[in-house]
Amino acid sequence: MLKGLITLLIFQFLGGCVVKFFDLIVPGPVVGMVFLLFFLMIRKGSFHSLDNAAFLHLRYLPLLFIPAAMGIITQVDTISKEFWAIVVSLFFGTLIALAFSAKLIDILTIRKENKNEL
């Protein structure tokens, strides 16, 4: 499991370095996750210690919602001022994500059916 934790930390560090070097507005851990995704796609799978490290983190994922909830509680005045902008952006963002996901699933299903026909 130590090898998996080190792998996760290396990709988070690489993402942070890329964000600092190119002065991106995307968080470093997000870039690190994209790098990890490409690594796993090239490797065509994961390994046991990385799976264990990921499951360990997923077990405690609900604890990460506590700081977000506290942020909402402390920013009630800001949220109330920008309420309609938040509601509209959430609504349209959800519609766009839903349409994109539906189209992606449609494309992947057609691709799989064509592959099975060959």
N, C-alpha and C. Protein backbone atom coordinates (compact mmCIF):
# COMPACT_ATOMS: atom_id res chain seq x y z
N MET A 1 0.82 -1.19 0.00
CA MET A 1 0.00 0.00 0.00
C MET A 1 0.86 1.26 0.00
N LEU A 2 2.05 1.17 0.54
CA LEU A 2 2.95 2.32 0.57
C LEU A 2 3.31 2.75 -0.86
N LYS A 3 3.51 1.77 -1.73
CA LYS A 3 3.81 2.09 -3.13
C LYS A 3 2.65 2.85 -3.78
N GLY A 4 1.43 2.49 -3.43
CA GLY A 4 0.26 3.19 -3.97
C GLY A 4 0.16 4.61 -3.45
N LEU A 5 0.40 4.81 -2.16
CA LEU A 5 0.37 6.16 -1.60
C LEU A 5 1.45 7.04 -2.20
N ILE A 6 2.63 6.46 -2.39
CA ILE A 6 3.72 7.23 -3.01
C ILE A 6 3.37 7.59 -4.44
N THR A 7 2.74 6.66 -5.16
CA THR A 7 2.31 6.95 -6.54
C THR A 7 1.32 8.10 -6.57
N LEU A 8 0.35 8.08 -5.67
CA LEU A 8 -0.63 9.18 -5.62
C LEU A 8 0.04 10.51 -5.30
N LEU A 9 0.96 10.49 -4.35
CA LEU A 9 1.66 11.72 -3.98
C LEU A 9 2.56 12.24 -5.10
N ILE A 10 3.19 11.34 -5.84
CA ILE A 10 4.03 11.75 -6.97
C ILE A 10 3.19 12.46 -8.03
N PHE A 11 2.03 11.88 -8.35
CA PHE A 11 1.19 12.51 -9.38
C PHE A 11 0.60 13.83 -8.88
N GLN A 12 0.29 13.92 -7.60
CA GLN A 12 -0.17 15.20 -7.06
C GLN A 12 0.95 16.23 -7.11
N PHE A 13 2.16 15.82 -6.79
CA PHE A 13 3.30 16.73 -6.86
C PHE A 13 3.56 17.19 -8.30
N LEU A 14 3.51 16.26 -9.26
CA LEU A 14 3.71 16.62 -10.66
C LEU A 14 2.64 17.61 -11.13
N GLY A 15 1.40 17.37 -10.72
CA GLY A 15 0.33 18.30 -11.08
C GLY A 15 0.56 19.67 -10.49
N GLY A 16 0.99 19.72 -9.24
CA GLY A 16 1.30 21.01 -8.61
C GLY A 16 2.44 21.73 -9.30
N CYS A 17 3.46 20.98 -9.70
CA CYS A 17 4.59 21.60 -10.41
C CYS A 17 4.17 22.16 -11.76
N VAL A 18 3.35 21.42 -12.49
CA VAL A 18 2.89 21.90 -13.81
C VAL A 18 2.04 23.15 -13.64
N VAL A 19 1.18 23.18 -12.62
CA VAL A 19 0.34 24.36 -12.40
C VAL A 19 1.20 25.57 -12.04
N LYS A 20 2.19 25.38 -11.19
CA LYS A 20 3.07 26.50 -10.83
C LYS A 20 3.91 26.96 -12.01
N PHE A 21 4.43 26.00 -12.79
CA PHE A 21 5.31 26.35 -13.90
C PHE A 21 4.56 27.09 -15.01
N PHE A 22 3.36 26.63 -15.34
CA PHE A 22 2.60 27.25 -16.42
C PHE A 22 1.59 28.28 -15.92
N ASP A 23 1.54 28.52 -14.61
CA ASP A 23 0.65 29.51 -13.99
C ASP A 23 -0.80 29.27 -14.41
N LEU A 24 -1.26 28.03 -14.23
CA LEU A 24 -2.62 27.65 -14.59
C LEU A 24 -3.58 27.98 -13.46
N ILE A 25 -4.86 28.09 -13.79
CA ILE A 25 -5.87 28.37 -12.77
C ILE A 25 -6.52 27.08 -12.26
N VAL A 26 -6.14 25.95 -12.83
CA VAL A 26 -6.66 24.65 -12.41
C VAL A 26 -5.86 24.19 -11.19
N PRO A 27 -6.50 23.60 -10.19
CA PRO A 27 -5.75 23.11 -9.02
C PRO A 27 -4.76 22.01 -9.40
N GLY A 28 -3.64 21.99 -8.72
CA GLY A 28 -2.60 21.01 -8.99
C GLY A 28 -3.04 19.57 -8.84
N PRO A 29 -3.81 19.22 -7.80
CA PRO A 29 -4.26 17.83 -7.69
C PRO A 29 -5.15 17.38 -8.84
N VAL A 30 -5.90 18.30 -9.44
CA VAL A 30 -6.73 17.94 -10.59
C VAL A 30 -5.84 17.58 -11.78
N VAL A 31 -4.81 18.38 -12.02
CA VAL A 31 -3.87 18.08 -13.10
C VAL A 31 -3.16 16.76 -12.80
N GLY A 32 -2.82 16.53 -11.54
CA GLY A 32 -2.19 15.27 -11.15
C GLY A 32 -3.10 14.09 -11.40
N MET A 33 -4.41 14.24 -11.16
CA MET A 33 -5.34 13.15 -11.45
C MET A 33 -5.42 12.87 -12.94
N VAL A 34 -5.34 13.91 -13.77
CA VAL A 34 -5.34 13.70 -15.21
C VAL A 34 -4.08 12.95 -15.62
N PHE A 35 -2.94 13.33 -15.05
CA PHE A 35 -1.70 12.59 -15.32
C PHE A 35 -1.82 11.13 -14.88
N LEU A 36 -2.43 10.90 -13.71
CA LEU A 36 -2.62 9.53 -13.23
C LEU A 36 -3.54 8.77 -14.17
N LEU A 37 -4.58 9.42 -14.68
CA LEU A 37 -5.47 8.77 -15.64
C LEU A 37 -4.71 8.34 -16.88
N PHE A 38 -3.88 9.24 -17.43
CA PHE A 38 -3.09 8.88 -18.62
C PHE A 38 -2.11 7.76 -18.31
N PHE A 39 -1.50 7.80 -17.13
CA PHE A 39 -0.58 6.74 -16.72
C PHE A 39 -1.28 5.39 -16.67
N LEU A 40 -2.48 5.37 -16.09
CA LEU A 40 -3.22 4.11 -15.98
C LEU A 40 -3.74 3.65 -17.34
N MET A 41 -4.05 4.59 -18.24
CA MET A 41 -4.47 4.20 -19.58
C MET A 41 -3.31 3.61 -20.36
N ILE A 42 -2.13 4.19 -20.24
CA ILE A 42 -0.95 3.66 -20.93
C ILE A 42 -0.57 2.31 -20.34
N ARG A 43 -0.67 2.19 -19.03
CA ARG A 43 -0.31 0.94 -18.34
C ARG A 43 -1.38 -0.13 -18.53
N LYS A 44 -2.59 0.28 -18.96
CA LYS A 44 -3.74 -0.60 -19.17
C LYS A 44 -4.17 -1.29 -17.88
N GLY A 45 -4.22 -0.54 -16.81
CA GLY A 45 -4.70 -1.09 -15.55
C GLY A 45 -3.96 -0.51 -14.37
N SER A 46 -4.40 -0.94 -13.22
CA SER A 46 -3.82 -0.47 -11.98
C SER A 46 -2.97 -1.57 -11.37
N PHE A 47 -2.49 -1.34 -10.16
CA PHE A 47 -1.79 -2.38 -9.43
C PHE A 47 -2.35 -2.42 -8.02
N HIS A 48 -2.10 -3.51 -7.34
CA HIS A 48 -2.76 -3.83 -6.08
C HIS A 48 -2.57 -2.74 -5.02
N SER A 49 -1.36 -2.25 -4.85
CA SER A 49 -1.13 -1.27 -3.79
C SER A 49 -1.81 0.07 -4.10
N LEU A 50 -1.92 0.43 -5.38
CA LEU A 50 -2.64 1.66 -5.74
C LEU A 50 -4.13 1.50 -5.47
N ASP A 51 -4.66 0.33 -5.77
CA ASP A 51 -6.07 0.07 -5.46
C ASP A 51 -6.34 0.18 -3.96
N ASN A 52 -5.45 -0.40 -3.17
CA ASN A 52 -5.63 -0.33 -1.71
C ASN A 52 -5.57 1.11 -1.20
N ALA A 53 -4.64 1.90 -1.73
CA ALA A 53 -4.52 3.30 -1.31
C ALA A 53 -5.76 4.09 -1.71
N ALA A 54 -6.29 3.83 -2.91
CA ALA A 54 -7.49 4.53 -3.36
C ALA A 54 -8.69 4.16 -2.50
N PHE A 55 -8.84 2.88 -2.19
CA PHE A 55 -9.97 2.47 -1.35
C PHE A 55 -9.85 3.02 0.07
N LEU A 56 -8.63 3.14 0.56
CA LEU A 56 -8.43 3.74 1.88
C LEU A 56 -8.91 5.19 1.88
N HIS A 57 -8.59 5.93 0.84
CA HIS A 57 -9.03 7.33 0.75
C HIS A 57 -10.54 7.43 0.54
N LEU A 58 -11.10 6.53 -0.24
CA LEU A 58 -12.54 6.58 -0.50
C LEU A 58 -13.35 6.28 0.76
N ARG A 59 -12.80 5.49 1.65
CA ARG A 59 -13.50 5.16 2.88
C ARG A 59 -13.74 6.41 3.73
N TYR A 60 -12.80 7.35 3.68
CA TYR A 60 -12.90 8.56 4.50
C TYR A 60 -13.32 9.79 3.69
N LEU A 61 -13.82 9.59 2.49
CA LEU A 61 -14.23 10.70 1.63
C LEU A 61 -15.32 11.58 2.26
N PRO A 62 -16.31 11.02 2.97
CA PRO A 62 -17.33 11.91 3.57
C PRO A 62 -16.77 12.94 4.53
N LEU A 63 -15.63 12.69 5.12
CA LEU A 63 -15.04 13.68 6.03
C LEU A 63 -14.64 14.96 5.30
N LEU A 64 -14.42 14.87 3.99
CA LEU A 64 -14.02 16.05 3.22
C LEU A 64 -15.19 17.01 2.99
N PHE A 65 -16.42 16.55 3.23
CA PHE A 65 -17.56 17.44 3.05
C PHE A 65 -17.77 18.36 4.24
N ILE A 66 -17.17 18.07 5.36
CA ILE A 66 -17.33 18.92 6.55
C ILE A 66 -16.77 20.33 6.31
N PRO A 67 -15.54 20.49 5.77
CA PRO A 67 -15.06 21.86 5.51
C PRO A 67 -15.92 22.60 4.49
N ALA A 68 -16.44 21.89 3.50
CA ALA A 68 -17.30 22.55 2.51
C ALA A 68 -18.58 23.05 3.16
N ALA A 69 -19.16 22.25 4.04
CA ALA A 69 -20.38 22.67 4.73
C ALA A 69 -20.10 23.87 5.63
N MET A 70 -18.96 23.88 6.28
CA MET A 70 -18.60 25.02 7.13
C MET A 70 -18.39 26.28 6.27
N GLY A 71 -17.83 26.11 5.10
CA GLY A 71 -17.67 27.26 4.21
C GLY A 71 -19.00 27.85 3.79
N ILE A 72 -19.98 26.99 3.56
CA ILE A 72 -21.32 27.47 3.21
C ILE A 72 -21.93 28.22 4.39
N ILE A 73 -21.76 27.68 5.58
CA ILE A 73 -22.34 28.32 6.77
C ILE A 73 -21.71 29.70 7.00
N THR A 74 -20.40 29.81 6.80
CA THR A 74 -19.73 31.09 7.08
C THR A 74 -19.92 32.11 5.96
N GLN A 75 -20.38 31.68 4.81
CA GLN A 75 -20.53 32.60 3.68
C GLN A 75 -21.99 32.82 3.30
N VAL A 76 -22.89 32.76 4.26
CA VAL A 76 -24.32 32.89 3.98
C VAL A 76 -24.64 34.24 3.35
N ASP A 77 -24.02 35.31 3.80
CA ASP A 77 -24.33 36.63 3.24
C ASP A 77 -23.90 36.72 1.77
N THR A 78 -22.75 36.18 1.43
CA THR A 78 -22.30 36.18 0.03
C THR A 78 -23.20 35.32 -0.83
N ILE A 79 -23.59 34.17 -0.32
CA ILE A 79 -24.46 33.27 -1.07
C ILE A 79 -25.82 33.91 -1.28
N SER A 80 -26.34 34.60 -0.29
CA SER A 80 -27.65 35.24 -0.45
C SER A 80 -27.61 36.37 -1.47
N LYS A 81 -26.49 37.08 -1.55
CA LYS A 81 -26.36 38.16 -2.55
C LYS A 81 -26.29 37.60 -3.96
N GLU A 82 -25.63 36.47 -4.12
CA GLU A 82 -25.42 35.88 -5.45
C GLU A 82 -26.31 34.66 -5.70
N PHE A 83 -27.45 34.59 -5.00
CA PHE A 83 -28.28 33.39 -5.03
C PHE A 83 -28.72 33.03 -6.44
N TRP A 84 -29.27 33.99 -7.18
CA TRP A 84 -29.80 33.67 -8.51
C TRP A 84 -28.70 33.31 -9.50
N ALA A 85 -27.56 33.93 -9.38
CA ALA A 85 -26.45 33.56 -10.26
C ALA A 85 -26.00 32.13 -9.97
N ILE A 86 -25.99 31.75 -8.71
CA ILE A 86 -25.61 30.38 -8.34
C ILE A 86 -26.64 29.39 -8.85
N VAL A 87 -27.92 29.70 -8.67
CA VAL A 87 -28.99 28.79 -9.10
C VAL A 87 -28.97 28.60 -10.61
N VAL A 88 -28.84 29.70 -11.34
CA VAL A 88 -28.84 29.62 -12.81
C VAL A 88 -27.62 28.84 -13.30
N SER A 89 -26.45 29.12 -12.74
CA SER A 89 -25.25 28.40 -13.19
C SER A 89 -25.31 26.93 -12.83
N LEU A 90 -25.87 26.59 -11.67
CA LEU A 90 -26.04 25.18 -11.32
C LEU A 90 -27.01 24.49 -12.26
N PHE A 91 -28.10 25.17 -12.60
CA PHE A 91 -29.10 24.58 -13.49
C PHE A 91 -28.51 24.31 -14.87
N PHE A 92 -27.90 25.34 -15.46
CA PHE A 92 -27.36 25.15 -16.81
C PHE A 92 -26.13 24.25 -16.81
N GLY A 93 -25.33 24.30 -15.78
CA GLY A 93 -24.18 23.39 -15.68
C GLY A 93 -24.63 21.93 -15.60
N THR A 94 -25.71 21.69 -14.85
CA THR A 94 -26.25 20.34 -14.76
C THR A 94 -26.80 19.88 -16.11
N LEU A 95 -27.50 20.76 -16.81
CA LEU A 95 -28.02 20.40 -18.13
C LEU A 95 -26.90 20.08 -19.11
N ILE A 96 -25.86 20.89 -19.10
CA ILE A 96 -24.73 20.66 -20.01
C ILE A 96 -24.03 19.35 -19.67
N ALA A 97 -23.81 19.09 -18.40
CA ALA A 97 -23.15 17.85 -17.99
C ALA A 97 -24.02 16.64 -18.34
N LEU A 98 -25.32 16.75 -18.16
CA LEU A 98 -26.22 15.66 -18.49
C LEU A 98 -26.24 15.38 -19.99
N ALA A 99 -26.30 16.44 -20.79
CA ALA A 99 -26.29 16.26 -22.25
C ALA A 99 -24.96 15.67 -22.72
N PHE A 100 -23.86 16.15 -22.18
CA PHE A 100 -22.56 15.63 -22.55
C PHE A 100 -22.43 14.16 -22.18
N SER A 101 -22.86 13.80 -20.97
CA SER A 101 -22.77 12.42 -20.52
C SER A 101 -23.64 11.50 -21.37
N ALA A 102 -24.84 11.95 -21.70
CA ALA A 102 -25.73 11.14 -22.53
C ALA A 102 -25.13 10.92 -23.92
N LYS A 103 -24.56 11.96 -24.50
CA LYS A 103 -23.95 11.83 -25.83
C LYS A 103 -22.72 10.92 -25.78
N LEU A 104 -21.92 11.04 -24.74
CA LEU A 104 -20.74 10.20 -24.60
C LEU A 104 -21.13 8.73 -24.45
N ILE A 105 -22.14 8.45 -23.64
CA ILE A 105 -22.60 7.07 -23.48
C ILE A 105 -23.15 6.54 -24.80
N ASP A 106 -23.85 7.38 -25.55
CA ASP A 106 -24.37 6.99 -26.85
C ASP A 106 -23.24 6.63 -27.80
N ILE A 107 -22.21 7.46 -27.86
CA ILE A 107 -21.07 7.20 -28.74
C ILE A 107 -20.34 5.93 -28.32
N LEU A 108 -20.12 5.75 -27.02
CA LEU A 108 -19.42 4.56 -26.54
C LEU A 108 -20.23 3.29 -26.78
N THR A 109 -21.55 3.37 -26.64
CA THR A 109 -22.40 2.21 -26.90
C THR A 109 -22.35 1.83 -28.37
N ILE A 110 -22.44 2.81 -29.25
CA ILE A 110 -22.36 2.53 -30.69
C ILE A 110 -21.01 1.93 -31.04
N ARG A 111 -19.95 2.47 -30.47
CA ARG A 111 -18.59 1.95 -30.73
C ARG A 111 -18.46 0.50 -30.25
N LYS A 112 -19.03 0.20 -29.09
CA LYS A 112 -18.97 -1.18 -28.57
C LYS A 112 -19.77 -2.13 -29.44
N GLU A 113 -20.95 -1.70 -29.90
CA GLU A 113 -21.76 -2.55 -30.77
C GLU A 113 -21.06 -2.81 -32.09
N ASN A 114 -20.40 -1.79 -32.64
CA ASN A 114 -19.67 -1.97 -33.89
C ASN A 114 -18.49 -2.91 -33.69
N LYS A 115 -17.84 -2.85 -32.54
CA LYS A 115 -16.71 -3.72 -32.25
C LYS A 115 -17.17 -5.17 -32.11
N ASN A 116 -18.35 -5.37 -31.50
CA ASN A 116 -18.88 -6.73 -31.32
C ASN A 116 -19.34 -7.34 -32.63
N GLU A 117 -19.73 -6.51 -33.60
CA GLU A 117 -20.17 -7.03 -34.89
C GLU A 117 -19.02 -7.57 -35.72
N LEU A 118 -17.82 -7.05 -35.48
CA LEU A 118 -16.66 -7.51 -36.26
C LEU A 118 -16.25 -8.82 -35.78
